[in-house]
Protein backbone atom coordinates (compact mmCIF):
# COMPACT_ATOMS: atom_id res chain seq x y z
CA MET A 1 0.00 0.00 0.00
CA ARG A 2 1.20 3.48 -0.72
CA ALA A 3 -0.06 6.53 1.08
CA ASN A 4 0.26 10.13 -0.12
CA LYS A 5 1.98 12.27 2.54
CA ARG A 6 1.20 15.91 2.18
CA PHE A 7 2.95 17.20 5.32
CA SER A 8 6.28 16.35 6.92
CA TRP A 9 6.74 17.19 10.65
CA LYS A 10 10.35 17.17 11.86
CA PRO A 11 11.09 18.21 15.47
CA SER A 12 14.61 19.37 16.39
CA VAL A 13 16.44 20.33 19.56
CA HIS A 14 15.99 24.09 18.99
CA THR A 15 12.74 24.40 17.11
CA THR A 16 9.93 22.50 15.46
CA LYS A 17 9.56 22.94 11.74
CA CYS A 18 6.56 22.06 9.65
CA THR A 19 7.17 21.59 5.94
CA ASP A 20 4.21 21.70 3.57
CA SER A 21 4.90 19.71 0.41
CA ARG A 22 1.72 20.77 -1.39
CA PRO A 23 3.50 22.88 -4.05
CA GLU A 24 5.41 19.77 -5.17
CA TYR A 25 2.16 17.78 -5.19
CA ASN A 26 0.41 20.46 -7.26
CA THR A 27 3.21 20.48 -9.82
CA HIS A 28 3.01 16.71 -9.96
CA MET A 29 -0.73 16.81 -10.59
CA LEU A 30 -0.33 19.56 -13.20
CA SER A 31 1.93 17.30 -15.25
CA ILE A 32 -0.71 14.57 -15.12
CA ASP A 33 -3.31 17.06 -16.36
CA VAL A 34 -1.08 18.05 -19.27
CA TRP A 35 -0.67 14.46 -20.48
CA ILE A 36 -4.38 13.76 -20.05
CA ILE A 37 -5.11 16.78 -22.27
CA VAL A 38 -2.56 15.57 -24.85
CA THR A 39 -4.27 12.17 -24.90
CA VAL A 40 -7.71 13.71 -25.39
CA VAL A 41 -6.52 16.05 -28.15
CA GLY A 42 -4.69 13.15 -29.85
CA LEU A 43 -7.90 11.10 -29.65
CA ILE A 44 -9.97 13.86 -31.28
CA LEU A 45 -7.45 14.27 -34.09
CA LEU A 46 -7.25 10.48 -34.48
CA LEU A 47 -11.02 10.27 -34.92
CA ALA A 48 -10.88 13.04 -37.52
CA ALA A 49 -8.13 11.20 -39.39
CA GLU A 50 -10.10 7.93 -39.21
CA ARG A 51 -13.14 9.69 -40.65
CA ARG A 52 -11.11 11.09 -43.58
CA GLY A 53 -9.16 7.88 -44.13
CA ALA A 54 -5.88 9.77 -43.75
CA THR A 55 -3.49 6.90 -43.03
CA ALA A 56 -0.35 8.88 -42.14
CA GLN A 57 -2.25 11.18 -39.77
CA ARG A 58 -4.07 8.21 -38.28
CA ILE A 59 -0.77 6.56 -37.40
CA ALA A 60 0.77 9.76 -36.00
CA PHE A 61 -2.17 10.74 -33.79
CA LYS A 62 -2.66 7.21 -32.46
CA VAL A 63 0.99 7.02 -31.45
CA ILE A 64 0.75 10.46 -29.79
CA ALA A 65 -2.42 9.60 -27.85
CA SER A 66 -1.08 6.22 -26.72
CA THR A 67 2.30 7.64 -25.72
CA ALA A 68 0.53 10.30 -23.67
CA PHE A 69 -1.33 7.78 -21.50
CA ILE A 70 2.02 6.15 -20.67
CA LEU A 71 3.40 9.56 -19.67
CA THR A 72 0.27 10.12 -17.56
CA ALA A 73 1.15 7.06 -15.50
CA LEU A 74 4.82 8.06 -15.23
CA SER A 75 3.81 11.54 -14.05
CA GLY A 76 1.52 9.94 -11.48
CA GLY A 77 4.38 8.03 -9.87
CA ALA A 78 4.07 4.65 -11.61
CA LEU A 79 7.69 3.79 -10.82
CA ALA A 80 7.13 4.18 -7.07
CA SER A 81 4.94 1.13 -6.40
CA ARG A 82 4.39 -2.45 -7.50
CA TYR A 83 0.87 -1.54 -8.62
CA GLY A 84 2.23 1.35 -10.67
CA LEU A 85 4.88 -0.79 -12.35
CA PHE A 86 2.29 -3.38 -13.36
CA ILE A 87 0.00 -0.70 -14.78
CA LEU A 88 2.89 0.98 -16.61
CA THR A 89 3.89 -2.35 -18.18
CA GLY A 90 0.30 -2.92 -19.29
CA LEU A 91 0.14 0.52 -20.85
CA ALA A 92 3.42 -0.08 -22.70
CA LEU A 93 2.14 -3.41 -24.06
CA SER A 94 -1.07 -1.66 -25.09
CA TRP A 95 1.03 0.90 -26.98
CA PHE A 96 2.46 -1.92 -29.10
CA GLY A 97 -1.02 -3.37 -29.53
CA ASP A 98 -2.29 -0.01 -30.79
CA VAL A 99 0.48 0.14 -33.37
CA PHE A 100 -0.14 -3.43 -34.57
CA LEU A 101 -3.88 -2.83 -34.92
CA LEU A 102 -3.24 0.01 -37.35
CA TRP A 103 -2.94 -2.68 -40.02
CA ARG A 104 -5.58 -5.25 -40.95
CA HIS A 105 -3.25 -8.08 -41.99
CA PRO A 106 -4.25 -11.24 -40.04
CA LEU A 107 -0.76 -11.95 -38.66
CA ILE A 108 -0.24 -8.34 -37.54
CA PHE A 109 -3.71 -8.36 -35.99
CA GLN A 110 -2.77 -11.50 -34.05
CA ALA A 111 0.40 -9.76 -32.83
CA GLY A 112 -1.81 -6.94 -31.57
CA LEU A 113 -4.09 -9.46 -29.90
CA VAL A 114 -1.13 -11.01 -28.07
CA SER A 115 0.13 -7.57 -26.98
CA PHE A 116 -3.23 -6.68 -25.49
CA LEU A 117 -3.64 -10.12 -23.93
CA LEU A 118 -0.29 -9.66 -22.13
CA ALA A 119 -1.38 -6.14 -21.14
CA HIS A 120 -4.47 -7.58 -19.45
CA VAL A 121 -2.32 -10.15 -17.65
CA THR A 122 -0.16 -7.36 -16.21
CA TYR A 123 -3.30 -5.43 -15.21
CA ILE A 124 -4.47 -8.53 -13.37
CA GLY A 125 -1.10 -8.54 -11.60
CA ALA A 126 -1.65 -4.90 -10.61
CA PHE A 127 -5.10 -5.62 -9.20
CA LEU A 128 -3.87 -8.68 -7.30
CA SER A 129 -1.14 -6.55 -5.70
CA THR A 130 -3.83 -4.47 -3.96
CA GLY A 131 -5.26 -7.45 -2.08
CA PRO A 132 -8.59 -7.51 -3.94
CA SER A 133 -11.89 -8.35 -2.26
CA HIS A 134 -12.83 -11.96 -2.99
CA ALA A 135 -16.52 -11.20 -2.52
CA ALA A 136 -16.50 -8.32 -5.00
CA SER A 137 -14.51 -10.40 -7.49
CA GLY A 138 -17.01 -13.22 -7.07
CA VAL A 139 -19.95 -10.97 -7.90
CA ALA A 140 -18.06 -9.60 -10.91
CA LEU A 141 -17.30 -13.16 -12.05
CA LEU A 142 -21.02 -13.98 -12.14
CA CYS A 143 -21.75 -10.83 -14.15
CA CYS A 144 -18.86 -11.44 -16.55
CA GLY A 145 -19.99 -15.05 -17.03
CA VAL A 146 -23.28 -13.82 -18.48
CA VAL A 147 -21.48 -11.29 -20.70
CA ILE A 148 -19.03 -13.92 -21.95
CA VAL A 149 -21.85 -16.19 -23.06
CA LEU A 150 -23.55 -13.36 -24.94
CA VAL A 151 -20.34 -12.12 -26.59
CA VAL A 152 -19.25 -15.61 -27.65
CA GLN A 153 -22.67 -16.37 -29.17
CA TRP A 154 -22.47 -13.09 -31.08
CA ILE A 155 -18.89 -13.26 -32.35
CA ARG A 156 -18.32 -17.00 -32.88
CA PRO A 157 -20.17 -17.31 -36.23
CA HIS A 158 -17.99 -14.53 -37.68
CA LEU A 159 -14.63 -16.05 -36.72
CA THR A 160 -12.41 -18.01 -39.08
CA THR A 161 -10.98 -21.27 -37.78
CA ASP A 162 -7.51 -19.82 -37.17
CA MET A 163 -8.91 -16.92 -35.13
CA ARG A 164 -11.41 -18.86 -33.01
CA TYR A 165 -9.11 -20.02 -30.22
CA PRO A 166 -7.04 -16.80 -29.97
CA VAL A 167 -10.22 -14.72 -29.66
CA MET A 168 -11.75 -17.08 -27.08
CA ALA A 169 -8.54 -16.93 -25.04
CA TYR A 170 -8.55 -13.15 -25.25
CA ILE A 171 -12.18 -12.91 -24.09
CA THR A 172 -11.33 -15.12 -21.10
CA VAL A 173 -8.32 -13.04 -20.04
CA ILE A 174 -9.97 -9.64 -20.44
CA SER A 175 -12.98 -10.89 -18.46
CA GLY A 176 -10.58 -11.98 -15.70
CA MET A 177 -9.10 -8.50 -15.77
CA VAL A 178 -12.53 -6.97 -15.07
CA VAL A 179 -13.20 -9.52 -12.30
CA PHE A 180 -10.03 -8.63 -10.40
CA ALA A 181 -10.52 -4.92 -11.10
CA ALA A 182 -13.81 -5.12 -9.22
CA GLY A 183 -12.05 -6.71 -6.26
CA ALA A 184 -9.28 -4.11 -6.31
CA ALA A 185 -11.76 -1.23 -6.56
CA TRP A 186 -13.70 -2.54 -3.55
CA SER A 187 -10.63 -3.13 -1.38
CA THR A 188 -8.97 0.22 -2.16
CA GLY A 189 -12.09 2.38 -2.52
CA GLN A 190 -10.73 3.63 -5.85
CA TRP A 191 -13.60 2.97 -8.26
CA VAL A 192 -11.75 4.50 -11.20
CA ILE A 193 -9.98 1.12 -11.40
CA LEU A 194 -13.20 -0.72 -12.18
CA ALA A 195 -14.44 2.08 -14.45
CA GLY A 196 -11.21 1.95 -16.46
CA ALA A 197 -11.34 -1.84 -16.77
CA VAL A 198 -14.99 -1.87 -17.89
CA MET A 199 -14.39 0.88 -20.46
CA PHE A 200 -11.45 -1.08 -21.86
CA TYR A 201 -13.62 -4.22 -22.01
CA LEU A 202 -16.40 -2.44 -23.89
CA SER A 203 -13.94 -0.86 -26.32
CA ASP A 204 -12.78 -4.32 -27.36
CA ILE A 205 -16.32 -5.13 -28.46
CA ALA A 206 -15.97 -2.27 -30.94
CA VAL A 207 -12.64 -3.72 -32.13
CA ALA A 208 -14.21 -7.15 -32.59
CA ARG A 209 -17.18 -5.71 -34.45
CA ASP A 210 -14.89 -3.73 -36.76
CA ARG A 211 -12.56 -6.66 -37.42
CA PHE A 212 -15.03 -9.53 -37.74
CA VAL A 213 -18.62 -8.32 -38.11
CA ALA A 214 -19.21 -4.88 -39.64
CA PRO A 215 -16.13 -2.73 -40.42
CA GLY A 216 -16.66 1.01 -40.41
CA PHE A 217 -15.98 4.36 -38.78
CA ALA A 218 -18.95 3.94 -36.42
CA ASN A 219 -16.92 1.38 -34.44
CA SER A 220 -14.08 3.85 -33.93
CA LEU A 221 -16.49 6.63 -33.02
CA TRP A 222 -17.58 4.92 -29.81
CA GLY A 223 -14.79 2.38 -29.34
CA LEU A 224 -11.78 4.72 -29.32
CA PRO A 225 -13.18 7.14 -26.68
CA LEU A 226 -13.97 4.14 -24.44
CA TYR A 227 -10.50 2.72 -24.97
CA TYR A 228 -8.54 5.90 -24.30
CA GLY A 229 -10.86 6.85 -21.43
CA GLY A 230 -10.28 3.45 -19.83
CA GLN A 231 -6.52 3.61 -20.27
CA LEU A 232 -6.40 7.13 -18.84
CA LEU A 233 -8.35 6.05 -15.76
CA LEU A 234 -5.99 3.14 -15.17
CA ALA A 235 -2.97 5.40 -15.73
CA TYR A 236 -4.40 8.00 -13.35
CA SER A 237 -5.12 5.35 -10.69
CA VAL A 238 -1.39 4.97 -9.94
CA SER A 239 -1.43 8.45 -8.37
CA LEU A 240 -4.20 7.61 -5.90
CA ALA A 241 -3.80 6.58 -2.27
CA GLY A 242 -4.44 2.96 -1.34
CA VAL A 243 -3.09 1.30 -4.49
């Protein structure tokens, strides 16, 4: 567990001095705000490029937006805790996944799938490091079980034989990520963890729809904001007390 200390009280032989560290904290939070804004602006420009079909701009703005959520976590102190290091690793793996998914070639898409699968595994590691609530995770497991059945029934008819098992494995892992996020959110009181995980989960439905069911800009229009919003919440969570 990591607690944020805003005041340092150091008695001495001659006098007692109270040092307020809030200016440093405010500067730290300002840097987080800057990278959040960069992510949001990059997302807006990415959506505009997607709409126009501008490939070069699409690549540039996606890289900018994804790099910015990594810098959000670093600015929040990701290197200072086990939870933060797990989240940072997941964000870095997601960065590679974002780059791979810029192309529609099946092998490159599978590389992106593996990158995101590993990202979810590291997120699970982050949530386990908080000592998640078993009861909350159990309730989430029941809810995710229903969602898994519905998603599999929807997507399975659209999958080729070579993609069936990789996609099923991915659905299982990302569902586990949400389950443990619920437990971590309950035990720490930081509900942005669960919100970020659920937004990420929902964004992957848009990816699946675009890749296997009905390609089109409409998928990006709702999927990308959910994805970047979820990643930002997880990146921001490293700066919060109790994680």
